[in-house]
Structure formats: structure tokens, C-alpha cells
């Protein structure tokens, strides 16, 4: 199912710019441990982000100013990753999975509401 999930994720990312589905449910379905799941998602998100950036650049939709601002936004992202790692170390696996999926549902709801507003 890995290649199918990869193709579907690629198609959905190209159409919407969102690469959470179906990659995250697929990775979660593999039964990976907490840290392995985070590493796998990090790798998937990194590759997807680089591919999305390359596609934007290829279509002349991404200039140097946006690249500079995007690089600057890595600072709060790295801080968030550090905070997440500290929280992840303190949570049980069951609590972590619950919080993780609540956050994904909240993100999806936010995206839906933003489209209707």
C-alpha cells in the first residue's frame, strides 16, 4: 500500500498544497512507535515540502523574497519541534495519539471553516 499512499499523497498535495492525507493515516496504520511515527512524518513532510517548493519555483510562483521569509519562519517551526519533543517525552503513547489526532482534526476543521468564511 506504500506506493498507493505515496501517489495519492502526491496528487492531493499537487491539487491542494496539503500533504497530511493520506500520508499520516497510512503511517499511523503501520503501527509505528511514537518516536518512529514522528520521524516518518518528519521525513514525509520534508520531502513533500521540498517537492511543493520545487513545483512552485518551476512554475515561477516562488520568488527570492518569499524564499527568505519562508526560511525565517523555520525559527518558530524549530522551536515548536523542540517543545513538541519535550511534551512527547512526557506523554504516554495513548495520550500522545489522542492529542495528535485531536490536533489533526482541529487543523482540518480550521481549513474547512476558512474556506467557508
PDB file of N, CA and C in Angstrom:
ATOM      1  N   UNK A   1       0.812  -1.209   0.000  1.00  0.00           N
ATOM      2  CA  UNK A   1       0.000   0.000   0.000  1.00  0.00           C
ATOM      3  C   UNK A   1       0.849   1.264   0.000  1.00  0.00           C
ATOM      4  N   UNK A   2       2.134   1.139   0.297  1.00  0.00           N
ATOM      5  CA  UNK A   2       3.005   2.309   0.352  1.00  0.00           C
ATOM      6  C   UNK A   2       3.015   3.114  -0.935  1.00  0.00           C
ATOM      7  N   UNK A   3       3.223   2.469  -2.098  1.00  0.00           N
ATOM      8  CA  UNK A   3       3.211   3.243  -3.339  1.00  0.00           C
ATOM      9  C   UNK A   3       1.861   3.916  -3.611  1.00  0.00           C
ATOM     10  N   UNK A   4       0.771   3.238  -3.269  1.00  0.00           N
ATOM     11  CA  UNK A   4      -0.564   3.827  -3.461  1.00  0.00           C
ATOM     12  C   UNK A   4      -0.721   5.064  -2.583  1.00  0.00           C
ATOM     13  N   UNK A   5      -0.335   4.958  -1.315  1.00  0.00           N
ATOM     14  CA  UNK A   5      -0.405   6.114  -0.415  1.00  0.00           C
ATOM     15  C   UNK A   5       0.494   7.238  -0.911  1.00  0.00           C
ATOM     16  N   UNK A   6       1.656   6.900  -1.447  1.00  0.00           N
ATOM     17  CA  UNK A   6       2.567   7.914  -1.967  1.00  0.00           C
ATOM     18  C   UNK A   6       1.981   8.644  -3.166  1.00  0.00           C
ATOM     19  N   UNK A   7       1.399   7.902  -4.101  1.00  0.00           N
ATOM     20  CA  UNK A   7       0.792   8.526  -5.287  1.00  0.00           C
ATOM     21  C   UNK A   7      -0.395   9.393  -4.887  1.00  0.00           C
ATOM     22  N   UNK A   8      -1.251   8.873  -4.016  1.00  0.00           N
ATOM     23  CA  UNK A   8      -2.409   9.665  -3.576  1.00  0.00           C
ATOM     24  C   UNK A   8      -1.978  10.924  -2.837  1.00  0.00           C
ATOM     25  N   UNK A   9      -0.975  10.802  -1.995  1.00  0.00           N
ATOM     26  CA  UNK A   9      -0.471  11.982  -1.284  1.00  0.00           C
ATOM     27  C   UNK A   9       0.077  12.993  -2.276  1.00  0.00           C
ATOM     28  N   UNK A  10       0.829  12.526  -3.266  1.00  0.00           N
ATOM     29  CA  UNK A  10       1.367  13.419  -4.288  1.00  0.00           C
ATOM     30  C   UNK A  10       0.279  14.131  -5.067  1.00  0.00           C
ATOM     31  N   UNK A  11      -0.747  13.406  -5.454  1.00  0.00           N
ATOM     32  CA  UNK A  11      -1.855  14.020  -6.200  1.00  0.00           C
ATOM     33  C   UNK A  11      -2.608  15.042  -5.353  1.00  0.00           C
ATOM     34  N   UNK A  12      -2.904  14.675  -4.108  1.00  0.00           N
ATOM     35  CA  UNK A  12      -3.616  15.609  -3.225  1.00  0.00           C
ATOM     36  C   UNK A  12      -2.767  16.829  -2.895  1.00  0.00           C
ATOM     37  N   UNK A  13      -1.473  16.641  -2.725  1.00  0.00           N
ATOM     38  CA  UNK A  13      -0.586  17.774  -2.452  1.00  0.00           C
ATOM     39  C   UNK A  13      -0.522  18.703  -3.649  1.00  0.00           C
ATOM     40  N   UNK A  14      -0.407  18.138  -4.841  1.00  0.00           N
ATOM     41  CA  UNK A  14      -0.356  18.967  -6.044  1.00  0.00           C
ATOM     42  C   UNK A  14      -1.651  19.757  -6.226  1.00  0.00           C
ATOM     43  N   UNK A  15      -2.776  19.155  -5.875  1.00  0.00           N
ATOM     44  CA  UNK A  15      -4.064  19.823  -6.057  1.00  0.00           C
ATOM     45  C   UNK A  15      -4.371  20.836  -4.961  1.00  0.00           C
ATOM     46  N   UNK A  16      -3.901  20.575  -3.744  1.00  0.00           N
ATOM     47  CA  UNK A  16      -4.335  21.412  -2.615  1.00  0.00           C
ATOM     48  C   UNK A  16      -3.198  22.066  -1.835  1.00  0.00           C
ATOM     49  N   UNK A  17      -1.986  21.559  -1.948  1.00  0.00           N
ATOM     50  CA  UNK A  17      -0.882  22.067  -1.137  1.00  0.00           C
ATOM     51  C   UNK A  17      -0.868  21.466   0.257  1.00  0.00           C
ATOM     52  N   UNK A  18      -1.754  20.537   0.526  1.00  0.00           N
ATOM     53  CA  UNK A  18      -1.846  19.885   1.843  1.00  0.00           C
ATOM     54  C   UNK A  18      -1.350  18.451   1.690  1.00  0.00           C
ATOM     55  N   UNK A  19      -0.392  18.049   2.526  1.00  0.00           N
ATOM     56  CA  UNK A  19       0.184  16.716   2.369  1.00  0.00           C
ATOM     57  C   UNK A  19      -0.036  15.830   3.585  1.00  0.00           C
ATOM     58  N   UNK A  20      -1.035  16.145   4.376  1.00  0.00           N
ATOM     59  CA  UNK A  20      -1.313  15.339   5.564  1.00  0.00           C
ATOM     60  C   UNK A  20      -2.045  14.060   5.179  1.00  0.00           C
ATOM     61  N   UNK A  21      -2.994  14.154   4.263  1.00  0.00           N
ATOM     62  CA  UNK A  21      -3.765  12.987   3.853  1.00  0.00           C
ATOM     63  C   UNK A  21      -3.284  12.527   2.490  1.00  0.00           C
ATOM     64  N   UNK A  22      -3.204  11.268   2.250  1.00  0.00           N
ATOM     65  CA  UNK A  22      -3.399  10.114   3.120  1.00  0.00           C
ATOM     66  C   UNK A  22      -2.127   9.651   3.825  1.00  0.00           C
ATOM     67  N   UNK A  23      -1.061  10.450   3.780  1.00  0.00           N
ATOM     68  CA  UNK A  23       0.229  10.011   4.337  1.00  0.00           C
ATOM     69  C   UNK A  23       0.150   9.724   5.833  1.00  0.00           C
ATOM     70  N   UNK A  24      -0.444  10.634   6.609  1.00  0.00           N
ATOM     71  CA  UNK A  24      -0.456  10.451   8.064  1.00  0.00           C
ATOM     72  C   UNK A  24      -1.297   9.245   8.482  1.00  0.00           C
ATOM     73  N   UNK A  25      -2.530   9.079   7.970  1.00  0.00           N
ATOM     74  CA  UNK A  25      -3.259   7.857   8.351  1.00  0.00           C
ATOM     75  C   UNK A  25      -2.530   6.581   7.931  1.00  0.00           C
ATOM     76  N   UNK A  26      -1.869   6.619   6.780  1.00  0.00           N
ATOM     77  CA  UNK A  26      -1.106   5.445   6.342  1.00  0.00           C
ATOM     78  C   UNK A  26       0.035   5.155   7.314  1.00  0.00           C
ATOM     79  N   UNK A  27       0.804   6.177   7.650  1.00  0.00           N
ATOM     80  CA  UNK A  27       1.927   5.982   8.577  1.00  0.00           C
ATOM     81  C   UNK A  27       1.435   5.533   9.946  1.00  0.00           C
ATOM     82  N   UNK A  28       0.330   6.101  10.409  1.00  0.00           N
ATOM     83  CA  UNK A  28      -0.221   5.707  11.705  1.00  0.00           C
ATOM     84  C   UNK A  28      -0.693   4.252  11.659  1.00  0.00           C
ATOM     85  N   UNK A  29      -1.231   3.839  10.525  1.00  0.00           N
ATOM     86  CA  UNK A  29      -1.713   2.466  10.370  1.00  0.00           C
ATOM     87  C   UNK A  29      -0.609   1.428  10.363  1.00  0.00           C
ATOM     88  N   UNK A  30       0.622   1.865  10.171  1.00  0.00           N
ATOM     89  CA  UNK A  30       1.740   0.919  10.199  1.00  0.00           C
ATOM     90  C   UNK A  30       2.052   0.437  11.606  1.00  0.00           C
ATOM     91  N   UNK A  31       1.470   1.095  12.605  1.00  0.00           N
ATOM     92  CA  UNK A  31       1.709   0.688  13.989  1.00  0.00           C
ATOM     93  C   UNK A  31       3.085   1.067  14.501  1.00  0.00           C
ATOM     94  N   UNK A  32       3.647   2.122  13.961  1.00  0.00           N
ATOM     95  CA  UNK A  32       4.969   2.575  14.411  1.00  0.00           C
ATOM     96  C   UNK A  32       4.886   3.095  15.845  1.00  0.00           C
ATOM     97  N   UNK A  33       5.980   3.015  16.532  1.00  0.00           N
ATOM     98  CA  UNK A  33       6.064   3.598  17.860  1.00  0.00           C
ATOM     99  C   UNK A  33       6.009   5.120  17.771  1.00  0.00           C
ATOM    100  N   UNK A  34       5.860   5.739  18.892  1.00  0.00           N
ATOM    101  CA  UNK A  34       5.698   7.192  18.953  1.00  0.00           C
ATOM    102  C   UNK A  34       6.847   7.920  18.253  1.00  0.00           C
ATOM    103  N   UNK A  35       8.074   7.607  18.595  1.00  0.00           N
ATOM    104  CA  UNK A  35       9.213   8.308  18.013  1.00  0.00           C
ATOM    105  C   UNK A  35       9.407   7.951  16.533  1.00  0.00           C
ATOM    106  N   UNK A  36       9.188   6.690  16.182  1.00  0.00           N
ATOM    107  CA  UNK A  36       9.321   6.287  14.778  1.00  0.00           C
ATOM    108  C   UNK A  36       8.244   6.961  13.927  1.00  0.00           C
ATOM    109  N   UNK A  37       7.033   7.112  14.466  1.00  0.00           N
ATOM    110  CA  UNK A  37       5.958   7.791  13.744  1.00  0.00           C
ATOM    111  C   UNK A  37       6.329   9.253  13.485  1.00  0.00           C
ATOM    112  N   UNK A  38       6.856   9.925  14.487  1.00  0.00           N
ATOM    113  CA  UNK A  38       7.245  11.324  14.329  1.00  0.00           C
ATOM    114  C   UNK A  38       8.375  11.445  13.297  1.00  0.00           C
ATOM    115  N   UNK A  39       9.356  10.553  13.355  1.00  0.00           N
ATOM    116  CA  UNK A  39      10.446  10.596  12.374  1.00  0.00           C
ATOM    117  C   UNK A  39       9.928  10.347  10.962  1.00  0.00           C
ATOM    118  N   UNK A  40       9.034   9.365  10.815  1.00  0.00           N
ATOM    119  CA  UNK A  40       8.483   9.057   9.488  1.00  0.00           C
ATOM    120  C   UNK A  40       7.669  10.233   8.954  1.00  0.00           C
ATOM    121  N   UNK A  41       6.871  10.855   9.817  1.00  0.00           N
ATOM    122  CA  UNK A  41       6.094  12.024   9.376  1.00  0.00           C
ATOM    123  C   UNK A  41       7.021  13.179   9.041  1.00  0.00           C
ATOM    124  N   UNK A  42       8.053  13.374   9.833  1.00  0.00           N
ATOM    125  CA  UNK A  42       9.011  14.440   9.548  1.00  0.00           C
ATOM    126  C   UNK A  42       9.664  14.258   8.197  1.00  0.00           C
ATOM    127  N   UNK A  43      10.055  13.030   7.894  1.00  0.00           N
ATOM    128  CA  UNK A  43      10.663  12.743   6.601  1.00  0.00           C
ATOM    129  C   UNK A  43       9.654  12.963   5.471  1.00  0.00           C
ATOM    130  N   UNK A  44       8.439  12.460   5.657  1.00  0.00           N
ATOM    131  CA  UNK A  44       7.404  12.634   4.622  1.00  0.00           C
ATOM    132  C   UNK A  44       7.084  14.109   4.409  1.00  0.00           C
ATOM    133  N   UNK A  45       6.961  14.868   5.492  1.00  0.00           N
ATOM    134  CA  UNK A  45       6.642  16.291   5.366  1.00  0.00           C
ATOM    135  C   UNK A  45       7.792  17.072   4.743  1.00  0.00           C
ATOM    136  N   UNK A  46       9.019  16.694   5.069  1.00  0.00           N
ATOM    137  CA  UNK A  46      10.176  17.374   4.486  1.00  0.00           C
ATOM    138  C   UNK A  46      10.232  17.148   2.979  1.00  0.00           C
ATOM    139  N   UNK A  47      10.095  15.902   2.559  1.00  0.00           N
ATOM    140  CA  UNK A  47      10.121  15.594   1.130  1.00  0.00           C
ATOM    141  C   UNK A  47       8.955  16.277   0.421  1.00  0.00           C
ATOM    142  N   UNK A  48       7.771  16.231   1.013  1.00  0.00           N
ATOM    143  CA  UNK A  48       6.602  16.875   0.400  1.00  0.00           C
ATOM    144  C   UNK A  48       6.778  18.385   0.300  1.00  0.00           C
ATOM    145  N   UNK A  49       7.322  18.999   1.341  1.00  0.00           N
ATOM    146  CA  UNK A  49       7.537  20.450   1.321  1.00  0.00           C
ATOM    147  C   UNK A  49       8.559  20.833   0.258  1.00  0.00           C
ATOM    148  N   UNK A  50       9.638  20.070   0.172  1.00  0.00           N
ATOM    149  CA  UNK A  50      10.639  20.355  -0.861  1.00  0.00           C
ATOM    150  C   UNK A  50      10.063  20.175  -2.263  1.00  0.00           C
ATOM    151  N   UNK A  51       9.263  19.145  -2.458  1.00  0.00           N
ATOM    152  CA  UNK A  51       8.635  18.930  -3.768  1.00  0.00           C
ATOM    153  C   UNK A  51       7.650  20.050  -4.090  1.00  0.00           C
ATOM    154  N   UNK A  52       6.882  20.473  -3.093  1.00  0.00           N
ATOM    155  CA  UNK A  52       5.936  21.573  -3.308  1.00  0.00           C
ATOM    156  C   UNK A  52       6.688  22.858  -3.632  1.00  0.00           C
ATOM    157  N   UNK A  53       7.755  23.151  -2.908  1.00  0.00           N
ATOM    158  CA  UNK A  53       8.564  24.333  -3.191  1.00  0.00           C
ATOM    159  C   UNK A  53       9.178  24.284  -4.574  1.00  0.00           C
ATOM    160  N   UNK A  54       9.664  23.117  -4.973  1.00  0.00           N
ATOM    161  CA  UNK A  54      10.243  22.967  -6.317  1.00  0.00           C
ATOM    162  C   UNK A  54       9.179  23.194  -7.384  1.00  0.00           C
ATOM    163  N   UNK A  55       7.980  22.678  -7.138  1.00  0.00           N
ATOM    164  CA  UNK A  55       6.892  22.891  -8.093  1.00  0.00           C
ATOM    165  C   UNK A  55       6.505  24.360  -8.206  1.00  0.00           C
ATOM    166  N   UNK A  56       6.461  25.048  -7.089  1.00  0.00           N
ATOM    167  CA  UNK A  56       6.157  26.485  -7.121  1.00  0.00           C
ATOM    168  C   UNK A  56       7.253  27.254  -7.854  1.00  0.00           C
ATOM    169  N   UNK A  57       8.498  26.914  -7.572  1.00  0.00           N
ATOM    170  CA  UNK A  57       9.615  27.570  -8.251  1.00  0.00           C
ATOM    171  C   UNK A  57       9.576  27.286  -9.754  1.00  0.00           C
ATOM    172  N   UNK A  58       9.317  26.050 -10.114  1.00  0.00           N
ATOM    173  CA  UNK A  58       9.268  25.651 -11.520  1.00  0.00           C
ATOM    174  C   UNK A  58       8.215  26.446 -12.283  1.00  0.00           C
ATOM    175  N   UNK A  59       7.098  26.745 -11.616  1.00  0.00           N
ATOM    176  CA  UNK A  59       6.014  27.497 -12.246  1.00  0.00           C
ATOM    177  C   UNK A  59       6.132  28.996 -12.018  1.00  0.00           C
ATOM    178  N   UNK A  60       7.279  29.464 -11.570  1.00  0.00           N
ATOM    179  CA  UNK A  60       7.552  30.889 -11.334  1.00  0.00           C
ATOM    180  C   UNK A  60       6.565  31.496 -10.338  1.00  0.00           C
ATOM    181  N   UNK A  61       6.153  30.718  -9.354  1.00  0.00           N
ATOM    182  CA  UNK A  61       5.240  31.207  -8.324  1.00  0.00           C
ATOM    183  C   UNK A  61       5.954  31.455  -7.000  1.00  0.00           C
ATOM    184  N   UNK A  62       7.266  31.410  -7.013  1.00  0.00           N
ATOM    185  CA  UNK A  62       8.036  31.466  -5.780  1.00  0.00           C
ATOM    186  C   UNK A  62       9.276  32.315  -6.022  1.00  0.00           C
ATOM    187  N   UNK A  63       9.296  33.542  -5.510  1.00  0.00           N
ATOM    188  CA  UNK A  63      10.453  34.400  -5.745  1.00  0.00           C
ATOM    189  C   UNK A  63      11.388  34.403  -4.535  1.00  0.00           C
ATOM    190  N   UNK A  64      12.488  35.115  -4.642  1.00  0.00           N
ATOM    191  CA  UNK A  64      13.505  35.111  -3.584  1.00  0.00           C
ATOM    192  C   UNK A  64      12.995  35.717  -2.280  1.00  0.00           C
ATOM    193  N   UNK A  65      12.126  36.723  -2.343  1.00  0.00           N
ATOM    194  CA  UNK A  65      11.578  37.328  -1.126  1.00  0.00           C
ATOM    195  C   UNK A  65      10.773  36.296  -0.337  1.00  0.00           C
ATOM    196  N   UNK A  66       9.945  35.546  -1.016  1.00  0.00           N
ATOM    197  CA  UNK A  66       9.141  34.521  -0.345  1.00  0.00           C
ATOM    198  C   UNK A  66      10.059  33.432   0.214  1.00  0.00           C
ATOM    199  N   UNK A  67      11.096  33.094  -0.500  1.00  0.00           N
ATOM    200  CA  UNK A  67      12.066  32.120  -0.003  1.00  0.00           C
ATOM    201  C   UNK A  67      12.719  32.615   1.292  1.00  0.00           C
ATOM    202  N   UNK A  68      13.093  33.900   1.330  1.00  0.00           N
ATOM    203  CA  UNK A  68      13.723  34.462   2.532  1.00  0.00           C
ATOM    204  C   UNK A  68      12.764  34.433   3.715  1.00  0.00           C
ATOM    205  N   UNK A  69      11.521  34.819   3.482  1.00  0.00           N
ATOM    206  CA  UNK A  69      10.526  34.807   4.564  1.00  0.00           C
ATOM    207  C   UNK A  69      10.258  33.376   5.021  1.00  0.00           C
ATOM    208  N   UNK A  70      10.189  32.446   4.085  1.00  0.00           N
ATOM    209  CA  UNK A  70       9.978  31.036   4.431  1.00  0.00           C
ATOM    210  C   UNK A  70      11.123  30.516   5.299  1.00  0.00           C
ATOM    211  N   UNK A  71      12.343  30.878   4.950  1.00  0.00           N
ATOM    212  CA  UNK A  71      13.497  30.448   5.751  1.00  0.00           C
ATOM    213  C   UNK A  71      13.437  31.055   7.152  1.00  0.00           C
ATOM    214  N   UNK A  72      13.003  32.295   7.245  1.00  0.00           N
ATOM    215  CA  UNK A  72      12.862  32.936   8.553  1.00  0.00           C
ATOM    216  C   UNK A  72      11.813  32.220   9.400  1.00  0.00           C
ATOM    217  N   UNK A  73      10.784  31.715   8.775  1.00  0.00           N
ATOM    218  CA  UNK A  73       9.722  31.015   9.505  1.00  0.00           C
ATOM    219  C   UNK A  73      10.166  29.645  10.012  1.00  0.00           C
ATOM    220  N   UNK A  74      11.351  29.216   9.616  1.00  0.00           N
ATOM    221  CA  UNK A  74      11.883  27.969  10.164  1.00  0.00           C
ATOM    222  C   UNK A  74      12.210  28.107  11.647  1.00  0.00           C
ATOM    223  N   UNK A  75      12.519  29.324  12.095  1.00  0.00           N
ATOM    224  CA  UNK A  75      12.862  29.530  13.512  1.00  0.00           C
ATOM    225  C   UNK A  75      11.716  29.141  14.445  1.00  0.00           C
ATOM    226  N   UNK A  76      10.488  29.669  14.257  1.00  0.00           N
ATOM    227  CA  UNK A  76       9.408  29.213  15.146  1.00  0.00           C
ATOM    228  C   UNK A  76       9.054  27.734  14.931  1.00  0.00           C
ATOM    229  N   UNK A  77       9.256  27.236  13.718  1.00  0.00           N
ATOM    230  CA  UNK A  77       8.976  25.821  13.468  1.00  0.00           C
ATOM    231  C   UNK A  77       9.921  24.934  14.272  1.00  0.00           C
ATOM    232  N   UNK A  78      11.192  25.285  14.301  1.00  0.00           N
ATOM    233  CA  UNK A  78      12.175  24.510  15.068  1.00  0.00           C
ATOM    234  C   UNK A  78      11.873  24.617  16.567  1.00  0.00           C
ATOM    235  N   UNK A  79      11.484  25.816  17.022  1.00  0.00           N
ATOM    236  CA  UNK A  79      11.109  25.975  18.434  1.00  0.00           C
ATOM    237  C   UNK A  79       9.910  25.096  18.772  1.00  0.00           C
ATOM    238  N   UNK A  80       8.933  25.047  17.874  1.00  0.00           N
ATOM    239  CA  UNK A  80       7.769  24.186  18.085  1.00  0.00           C
ATOM    240  C   UNK A  80       8.134  22.721  18.109  1.00  0.00           C
ATOM    241  N   UNK A  81       9.078  22.325  17.267  1.00  0.00           N
ATOM    242  CA  UNK A  81       9.529  20.935  17.271  1.00  0.00           C
ATOM    243  C   UNK A  81      10.201  20.581  18.592  1.00  0.00           C
ATOM    244  N   UNK A  82      10.987  21.506  19.131  1.00  0.00           N
ATOM    245  CA  UNK A  82      11.649  21.251  20.409  1.00  0.00           C
ATOM    246  C   UNK A  82      10.619  21.117  21.524  1.00  0.00           C
ATOM    247  N   UNK A  83       9.632  22.013  21.535  1.00  0.00           N
ATOM    248  CA  UNK A  83       8.564  21.941  22.535  1.00  0.00           C
ATOM    249  C   UNK A  83       7.789  20.635  22.393  1.00  0.00           C
ATOM    250  N   UNK A  84       7.493  20.267  21.148  1.00  0.00           N
ATOM    251  CA  UNK A  84       6.790  19.012  20.903  1.00  0.00           C
ATOM    252  C   UNK A  84       7.567  17.796  21.374  1.00  0.00           C
ATOM    253  N   UNK A  85       8.867  17.810  21.170  1.00  0.00           N
ATOM    254  CA  UNK A  85       9.702  16.692  21.625  1.00  0.00           C
ATOM    255  C   UNK A  85       9.675  16.574  23.143  1.00  0.00           C
ATOM    256  N   UNK A  86       9.703  17.726  23.823  1.00  0.00           N
ATOM    257  CA  UNK A  86       9.642  17.685  25.294  1.00  0.00           C
ATOM    258  C   UNK A  86       8.293  17.150  25.768  1.00  0.00           C
ATOM    259  N   UNK A  87       7.210  17.599  25.127  1.00  0.00           N
ATOM    260  CA  UNK A  87       5.880  17.111  25.511  1.00  0.00           C
ATOM    261  C   UNK A  87       5.718  15.630  25.181  1.00  0.00           C
ATOM    262  N   UNK A  88       6.213  15.230  24.029  1.00  0.00           N
ATOM    263  CA  UNK A  88       6.100  13.833  23.600  1.00  0.00           C
ATOM    264  C   UNK A  88       6.792  12.903  24.585  1.00  0.00           C
ATOM    265  N   UNK A  89       7.903  13.338  25.142  1.00  0.00           N
ATOM    266  CA  UNK A  89       8.638  12.516  26.100  1.00  0.00           C
ATOM    267  C   UNK A  89       7.855  12.331  27.398  1.00  0.00           C
ATOM    268  N   UNK A  90       6.954  13.254  27.707  1.00  0.00           N
ATOM    269  CA  UNK A  90       6.199  13.189  28.965  1.00  0.00           C
ATOM    270  C   UNK A  90       4.843  12.504  28.840  1.00  0.00           C
ATOM    271  N   UNK A  91       4.364  12.305  27.599  1.00  0.00           N
ATOM    272  CA  UNK A  91       3.036  11.729  27.390  1.00  0.00           C
ATOM    273  C   UNK A  91       3.127  10.222  27.165  1.00  0.00           C
ATOM    274  N   UNK A  92       2.097   9.516  27.623  1.00  0.00           N
ATOM    275  CA  UNK A  92       2.002   8.095  27.296  1.00  0.00           C
ATOM    276  C   UNK A  92       1.680   7.972  25.805  1.00  0.00           C
ATOM    277  N   UNK A  93       1.897   6.787  25.253  1.00  0.00           N
ATOM    278  CA  UNK A  93       1.633   6.570  23.835  1.00  0.00           C
ATOM    279  C   UNK A  93       0.157   6.821  23.530  1.00  0.00           C
ATOM    280  N   UNK A  94      -0.735   6.311  24.367  1.00  0.00           N
ATOM    281  CA  UNK A  94      -2.170   6.502  24.129  1.00  0.00           C
ATOM    282  C   UNK A  94      -2.553   7.974  24.186  1.00  0.00           C
ATOM    283  N   UNK A  95      -2.048   8.702  25.140  1.00  0.00           N
ATOM    284  CA  UNK A  95      -2.348  10.133  25.262  1.00  0.00           C
ATOM    285  C   UNK A  95      -1.764  10.903  24.078  1.00  0.00           C
ATOM    286  N   UNK A  96      -0.559  10.521  23.665  1.00  0.00           N
ATOM    287  CA  UNK A  96       0.072  11.160  22.515  1.00  0.00           C
ATOM    288  C   UNK A  96      -0.780  10.983  21.268  1.00  0.00           C
ATOM    289  N   UNK A  97      -1.204   9.756  20.992  1.00  0.00           N
ATOM    290  CA  UNK A  97      -2.020   9.507  19.800  1.00  0.00           C
ATOM    291  C   UNK A  97      -3.326  10.292  19.862  1.00  0.00           C
ATOM    292  N   UNK A  98      -3.960  10.342  21.029  1.00  0.00           N
ATOM    293  CA  UNK A  98      -5.202  11.106  21.176  1.00  0.00           C
ATOM    294  C   UNK A  98      -4.958  12.587  20.870  1.00  0.00           C
ATOM    295  N   UNK A  99      -3.939  13.168  21.477  1.00  0.00           N
ATOM    296  CA  UNK A  99      -3.624  14.582  21.246  1.00  0.00           C
ATOM    297  C   UNK A  99      -3.267  14.832  19.786  1.00  0.00           C
ATOM    298  N   UNK A 100      -2.518  13.927  19.205  1.00  0.00           N
ATOM    299  CA  UNK A 100      -2.108  14.057  17.809  1.00  0.00           C
ATOM    300  C   UNK A 100      -3.328  14.119  16.894  1.00  0.00           C
ATOM    301  N   UNK A 101      -4.270  13.203  17.072  1.00  0.00           N
ATOM    302  CA  UNK A 101      -5.433  13.183  16.184  1.00  0.00           C
ATOM    303  C   UNK A 101      -6.407  14.312  16.483  1.00  0.00           C
ATOM    304  N   UNK A 102      -6.491  14.761  17.716  1.00  0.00           N
ATOM    305  CA  UNK A 102      -7.313  15.941  18.017  1.00  0.00           C
ATOM    306  C   UNK A 102      -6.735  17.157  17.289  1.00  0.00           C
ATOM    307  N   UNK A 103      -5.427  17.289  17.300  1.00  0.00           N
ATOM    308  CA  UNK A 103      -4.786  18.413  16.593  1.00  0.00           C
ATOM    309  C   UNK A 103      -5.004  18.317  15.090  1.00  0.00           C
ATOM    310  N   UNK A 104      -4.915  17.115  14.516  1.00  0.00           N
ATOM    311  CA  UNK A 104      -5.175  16.954  13.086  1.00  0.00           C
ATOM    312  C   UNK A 104      -6.622  17.294  12.757  1.00  0.00           C
ATOM    313  N   UNK A 105      -7.549  16.862  13.596  1.00  0.00           N
ATOM    314  CA  UNK A 105      -8.963  17.188  13.375  1.00  0.00           C
ATOM    315  C   UNK A 105      -9.182  18.693  13.478  1.00  0.00           C
ATOM    316  N   UNK A 106      -8.538  19.328  14.439  1.00  0.00           N
ATOM    317  CA  UNK A 106      -8.652  20.782  14.578  1.00  0.00           C
ATOM    318  C   UNK A 106      -8.101  21.510  13.364  1.00  0.00           C
ATOM    319  N   UNK A 107      -6.987  21.031  12.839  1.00  0.00           N
ATOM    320  CA  UNK A 107      -6.412  21.628  11.641  1.00  0.00           C
ATOM    321  C   UNK A 107      -7.363  21.475  10.456  1.00  0.00           C
ATOM    322  N   UNK A 108      -7.929  20.301  10.300  1.00  0.00           N
ATOM    323  CA  UNK A 108      -8.894  20.076   9.216  1.00  0.00           C
ATOM    324  C   UNK A 108     -10.118  20.955   9.358  1.00  0.00           C
ATOM    325  N   UNK A 109     -10.642  21.092  10.575  1.00  0.00           N
ATOM    326  CA  UNK A 109     -11.797  21.948  10.814  1.00  0.00           C
ATOM    327  C   UNK A 109     -11.464  23.405  10.504  1.00  0.00           C
ATOM    328  N   UNK A 110     -10.294  23.841  10.932  1.00  0.00           N
ATOM    329  CA  UNK A 110      -9.856  25.213  10.638  1.00  0.00           C
ATOM    330  C   UNK A 110      -9.814  25.454   9.130  1.00  0.00           C
ATOM    331  N   UNK A 111      -9.282  24.499   8.383  1.00  0.00           N
ATOM    332  CA  UNK A 111      -9.193  24.665   6.937  1.00  0.00           C
ATOM    333  C   UNK A 111     -10.578  24.718   6.306  1.00  0.00           C
ATOM    334  N   UNK A 112     -11.486  23.881   6.785  1.00  0.00           N
ATOM    335  CA  UNK A 112     -12.857  23.920   6.254  1.00  0.00           C
ATOM    336  C   UNK A 112     -13.540  25.247   6.553  1.00  0.00           C
ATOM    337  N   UNK A 113     -13.442  25.688   7.791  1.00  0.00           N
ATOM    338  CA  UNK A 113     -14.096  26.934   8.175  1.00  0.00           C
ATOM    339  C   UNK A 113     -13.499  28.119   7.438  1.00  0.00           C
ATOM    340  N   UNK A 114     -12.210  28.102   7.211  1.00  0.00           N
ATOM    341  CA  UNK A 114     -11.556  29.184   6.489  1.00  0.00           C
ATOM    342  C   UNK A 114     -12.063  29.270   5.045  1.00  0.00           C
ATOM    343  N   UNK A 115     -12.362  28.143   4.454  1.00  0.00           N
ATOM    344  CA  UNK A 115     -12.890  28.137   3.084  1.00  0.00           C
ATOM    345  C   UNK A 115     -14.314  28.679   3.010  1.00  0.00           C
ATOM    346  N   UNK A 116     -15.077  28.493   4.064  1.00  0.00           N
ATOM    347  CA  UNK A 116     -16.471  28.954   4.080  1.00  0.00           C
ATOM    348  C   UNK A 116     -16.610  30.386   4.563  1.00  0.00           C
ATOM    349  N   UNK A 117     -15.541  30.921   5.189  1.00  0.00           N
ATOM    350  CA  UNK A 117     -15.629  32.258   5.794  1.00  0.00           C
ATOM    351  C   UNK A 117     -15.133  33.301   4.935  1.00  0.00           C
TER     352      UNK A 117
END
